[in-house]
Amino acid sequence: MTLILQGRLVGGLGEAAGFTSIPWVAEAFRERLGIEVYPGTVNLEIDVSEQTNWAAIKATPGIPIPPGQAGFCDATAWHVQINGMASGAILLPHVEDYPIGKVELIASKPLREKLGISEGDVVTIVLQAPDA
């Protein structure tokens, strides 16, 4: 089953580069996702019309990312294709009040540069989910 999600590229809080550079975090992405993660995430804002697709992705089996240190949260990840040109993963932190319309992407390359995208551009994510 193919699940497709679109969102607009938006700026983030600027904290993800530090987080993804923590040794145990980088190791978790390497071990669990096979991604030598580029520091930071790319943030997408999902329109209300895409919420059903986002809910369908969240309902598929993802890859659990447990915290490697006290004070950090669990997360779930899904391998995706981004704009048909880059492999990466959606990273969903399990924190209270996480914005329902926010999607964070990680990859081994700087996605903005690799895809030639900038704030406001529409990004398409494709997940090949196992058939139920």
C-alpha atoms as a PDB file:
ATOM      1  CA  MET A   1       0.000   0.000   0.000  1.00  0.00           C
ATOM      2  CA  THR A   2       1.340   3.413  -0.947  1.00  0.00           C
ATOM      3  CA  LEU A   3       0.602   6.348   1.335  1.00  0.00           C
ATOM      4  CA  ILE A   4       1.247   9.887   0.119  1.00  0.00           C
ATOM      5  CA  LEU A   5       1.463  13.007   2.255  1.00  0.00           C
ATOM      6  CA  GLN A   6       2.108  16.601   1.254  1.00  0.00           C
ATOM      7  CA  GLY A   7       3.142  19.515   3.399  1.00  0.00           C
ATOM      8  CA  ARG A   8       4.708  22.964   3.163  1.00  0.00           C
ATOM      9  CA  LEU A   9       8.303  23.452   4.204  1.00  0.00           C
ATOM     10  CA  VAL A  10       8.479  25.659   7.300  1.00  0.00           C
ATOM     11  CA  GLY A  11      11.206  26.783   9.656  1.00  0.00           C
ATOM     12  CA  GLY A  12      11.684  24.957  12.915  1.00  0.00           C
ATOM     13  CA  LEU A  13      12.825  25.868  16.397  1.00  0.00           C
ATOM     14  CA  GLY A  14      16.499  25.369  15.528  1.00  0.00           C
ATOM     15  CA  GLU A  15      16.991  22.663  18.157  1.00  0.00           C
ATOM     16  CA  ALA A  16      17.075  19.559  15.961  1.00  0.00           C
ATOM     17  CA  ALA A  17      20.673  19.948  14.762  1.00  0.00           C
ATOM     18  CA  GLY A  18      21.909  19.709  18.331  1.00  0.00           C
ATOM     19  CA  PHE A  19      19.587  16.799  19.107  1.00  0.00           C
ATOM     20  CA  THR A  20      20.486  14.748  16.026  1.00  0.00           C
ATOM     21  CA  SER A  21      24.188  15.291  16.782  1.00  0.00           C
ATOM     22  CA  ILE A  22      23.997  13.700  20.245  1.00  0.00           C
ATOM     23  CA  PRO A  23      26.029  10.468  19.953  1.00  0.00           C
ATOM     24  CA  TRP A  24      23.338   8.082  21.243  1.00  0.00           C
ATOM     25  CA  VAL A  25      20.724   9.717  18.968  1.00  0.00           C
ATOM     26  CA  ALA A  26      22.943   9.425  15.881  1.00  0.00           C
ATOM     27  CA  GLU A  27      23.683   5.804  16.819  1.00  0.00           C
ATOM     28  CA  ALA A  28      19.962   5.009  17.220  1.00  0.00           C
ATOM     29  CA  PHE A  29      19.225   6.389  13.746  1.00  0.00           C
ATOM     30  CA  ARG A  30      22.154   4.421  12.322  1.00  0.00           C
ATOM     31  CA  GLU A  31      21.133   1.148  14.029  1.00  0.00           C
ATOM     32  CA  ARG A  32      17.365   1.361  13.706  1.00  0.00           C
ATOM     33  CA  LEU A  33      16.970   3.255  10.420  1.00  0.00           C
ATOM     34  CA  GLY A  34      20.252   2.705   8.615  1.00  0.00           C
ATOM     35  CA  ILE A  35      20.628   6.477   8.306  1.00  0.00           C
ATOM     36  CA  GLU A  36      23.822   8.368   9.007  1.00  0.00           C
ATOM     37  CA  VAL A  37      21.726  11.410   9.841  1.00  0.00           C
ATOM     38  CA  TYR A  38      22.587  14.886   8.611  1.00  0.00           C
ATOM     39  CA  PRO A  39      22.291  17.267  11.597  1.00  0.00           C
ATOM     40  CA  GLY A  40      18.814  18.697  11.954  1.00  0.00           C
ATOM     41  CA  THR A  41      15.361  17.993  10.625  1.00  0.00           C
ATOM     42  CA  VAL A  42      13.243  19.440   7.856  1.00  0.00           C
ATOM     43  CA  ASN A  43       9.845  20.543   9.112  1.00  0.00           C
ATOM     44  CA  LEU A  44       6.632  20.346   7.180  1.00  0.00           C
ATOM     45  CA  GLU A  45       3.294  21.860   8.033  1.00  0.00           C
ATOM     46  CA  ILE A  46       0.461  19.548   7.047  1.00  0.00           C
ATOM     47  CA  ASP A  47      -2.740  21.153   5.816  1.00  0.00           C
ATOM     48  CA  VAL A  48      -6.052  20.076   7.331  1.00  0.00           C
ATOM     49  CA  SER A  49      -6.891  18.331   4.046  1.00  0.00           C
ATOM     50  CA  GLU A  50      -3.860  16.037   4.551  1.00  0.00           C
ATOM     51  CA  GLN A  51      -4.705  15.006   8.121  1.00  0.00           C
ATOM     52  CA  THR A  52      -6.362  11.751   6.997  1.00  0.00           C
ATOM     53  CA  ASN A  53      -3.201  10.756   5.114  1.00  0.00           C
ATOM     54  CA  TRP A  54      -1.009  11.669   8.115  1.00  0.00           C
ATOM     55  CA  ALA A  55      -3.273   9.620  10.402  1.00  0.00           C
ATOM     56  CA  ALA A  56      -2.987   6.660   7.977  1.00  0.00           C
ATOM     57  CA  ILE A  57       0.818   6.844   8.108  1.00  0.00           C
ATOM     58  CA  LYS A  58       0.801   7.027  11.920  1.00  0.00           C
ATOM     59  CA  ALA A  59      -1.470   3.961  11.970  1.00  0.00           C
ATOM     60  CA  THR A  60       1.091   1.832  10.101  1.00  0.00           C
ATOM     61  CA  PRO A  61       3.805  -0.044  11.957  1.00  0.00           C
ATOM     62  CA  GLY A  62       6.721   2.292  12.411  1.00  0.00           C
ATOM     63  CA  ILE A  63      10.214   1.820  13.751  1.00  0.00           C
ATOM     64  CA  PRO A  64      10.388   2.559  17.480  1.00  0.00           C
ATOM     65  CA  ILE A  65      13.206   4.815  18.627  1.00  0.00           C
ATOM     66  CA  PRO A  66      13.526   4.501  22.420  1.00  0.00           C
ATOM     67  CA  PRO A  67      15.234   7.228  24.420  1.00  0.00           C
ATOM     68  CA  GLY A  68      18.888   6.525  25.096  1.00  0.00           C
ATOM     69  CA  GLN A  69      19.003   8.801  28.080  1.00  0.00           C
ATOM     70  CA  ALA A  70      16.681   9.905  30.882  1.00  0.00           C
ATOM     71  CA  GLY A  71      14.744  13.048  30.116  1.00  0.00           C
ATOM     72  CA  PHE A  72      14.260  12.242  26.419  1.00  0.00           C
ATOM     73  CA  CYS A  73      11.116  10.879  24.751  1.00  0.00           C
ATOM     74  CA  ASP A  74      10.274   7.846  22.664  1.00  0.00           C
ATOM     75  CA  ALA A  75       9.780   8.406  18.958  1.00  0.00           C
ATOM     76  CA  THR A  76       8.520   6.493  15.948  1.00  0.00           C
ATOM     77  CA  ALA A  77      10.031   6.656  12.479  1.00  0.00           C
ATOM     78  CA  TRP A  78       8.964   5.582   8.993  1.00  0.00           C
ATOM     79  CA  HIS A  79      11.197   5.230   5.932  1.00  0.00           C
ATOM     80  CA  VAL A  80       9.955   7.491   3.127  1.00  0.00           C
ATOM     81  CA  GLN A  81      10.845   8.880  -0.286  1.00  0.00           C
ATOM     82  CA  ILE A  82      10.898  12.664  -0.371  1.00  0.00           C
ATOM     83  CA  ASN A  83       9.911  14.457  -3.598  1.00  0.00           C
ATOM     84  CA  GLY A  84      10.803  11.260  -5.455  1.00  0.00           C
ATOM     85  CA  MET A  85      14.486  12.141  -5.169  1.00  0.00           C
ATOM     86  CA  ALA A  86      15.690  11.480  -1.627  1.00  0.00           C
ATOM     87  CA  SER A  87      15.392   8.721   0.939  1.00  0.00           C
ATOM     88  CA  GLY A  88      14.796   9.678   4.514  1.00  0.00           C
ATOM     89  CA  ALA A  89      12.489   9.099   7.430  1.00  0.00           C
ATOM     90  CA  ILE A  90       9.622  10.775   9.187  1.00  0.00           C
ATOM     91  CA  LEU A  91      10.485  11.209  12.855  1.00  0.00           C
ATOM     92  CA  LEU A  92       7.550  11.573  15.259  1.00  0.00           C
ATOM     93  CA  PRO A  93       8.552  12.386  18.835  1.00  0.00           C
ATOM     94  CA  HIS A  94       6.076  11.185  21.451  1.00  0.00           C
ATOM     95  CA  VAL A  95       5.714  14.338  23.483  1.00  0.00           C
ATOM     96  CA  GLU A  96       2.619  15.886  24.975  1.00  0.00           C
ATOM     97  CA  ASP A  97       1.147  18.691  22.892  1.00  0.00           C
ATOM     98  CA  TYR A  98       3.220  17.846  19.796  1.00  0.00           C
ATOM     99  CA  PRO A  99       1.580  19.837  16.973  1.00  0.00           C
ATOM    100  CA  ILE A 100      -0.880  17.662  15.043  1.00  0.00           C
ATOM    101  CA  GLY A 101       0.031  19.300  11.735  1.00  0.00           C
ATOM    102  CA  LYS A 102       3.820  19.025  12.067  1.00  0.00           C
ATOM    103  CA  VAL A 103       5.977  16.436  10.316  1.00  0.00           C
ATOM    104  CA  GLU A 104       9.746  16.228  10.815  1.00  0.00           C
ATOM    105  CA  LEU A 105      12.024  14.571   8.265  1.00  0.00           C
ATOM    106  CA  ILE A 106      15.565  13.291   8.704  1.00  0.00           C
ATOM    107  CA  ALA A 107      17.966  12.166   6.000  1.00  0.00           C
ATOM    108  CA  SER A 108      21.641  11.516   5.409  1.00  0.00           C
ATOM    109  CA  LYS A 109      21.930  14.586   3.139  1.00  0.00           C
ATOM    110  CA  PRO A 110      20.844  18.208   3.610  1.00  0.00           C
ATOM    111  CA  LEU A 111      17.361  17.950   2.104  1.00  0.00           C
ATOM    112  CA  ARG A 112      16.892  21.638   1.354  1.00  0.00           C
ATOM    113  CA  GLU A 113      20.020  21.617  -0.805  1.00  0.00           C
ATOM    114  CA  LYS A 114      19.566  18.164  -2.323  1.00  0.00           C
ATOM    115  CA  LEU A 115      15.972  18.854  -3.364  1.00  0.00           C
ATOM    116  CA  GLY A 116      16.344  22.559  -4.106  1.00  0.00           C
ATOM    117  CA  ILE A 117      13.505  23.438  -1.741  1.00  0.00           C
ATOM    118  CA  SER A 118      12.913  26.465   0.424  1.00  0.00           C
ATOM    119  CA  GLU A 119      10.315  27.689   2.893  1.00  0.00           C
ATOM    120  CA  GLY A 120       6.803  27.587   1.532  1.00  0.00           C
ATOM    121  CA  ASP A 121       7.522  24.891  -1.069  1.00  0.00           C
ATOM    122  CA  VAL A 122       5.259  21.847  -1.146  1.00  0.00           C
ATOM    123  CA  VAL A 123       7.047  18.595  -0.325  1.00  0.00           C
ATOM    124  CA  THR A 124       5.632  15.166  -1.174  1.00  0.00           C
ATOM    125  CA  ILE A 125       6.381  12.174   1.043  1.00  0.00           C
ATOM    126  CA  VAL A 126       5.703   8.605  -0.103  1.00  0.00           C
ATOM    127  CA  LEU A 127       5.561   5.689   2.319  1.00  0.00           C
ATOM    128  CA  GLN A 128       5.407   2.124   1.061  1.00  0.00           C
ATOM    129  CA  ALA A 129       3.445   0.522   3.893  1.00  0.00           C
ATOM    130  CA  PRO A 130       2.939  -3.191   4.302  1.00  0.00           C
ATOM    131  CA  ASP A 131      -0.500  -4.322   3.156  1.00  0.00           C
ATOM    132  CA  ALA A 132      -2.783  -5.164   6.047  1.00  0.00           C
END
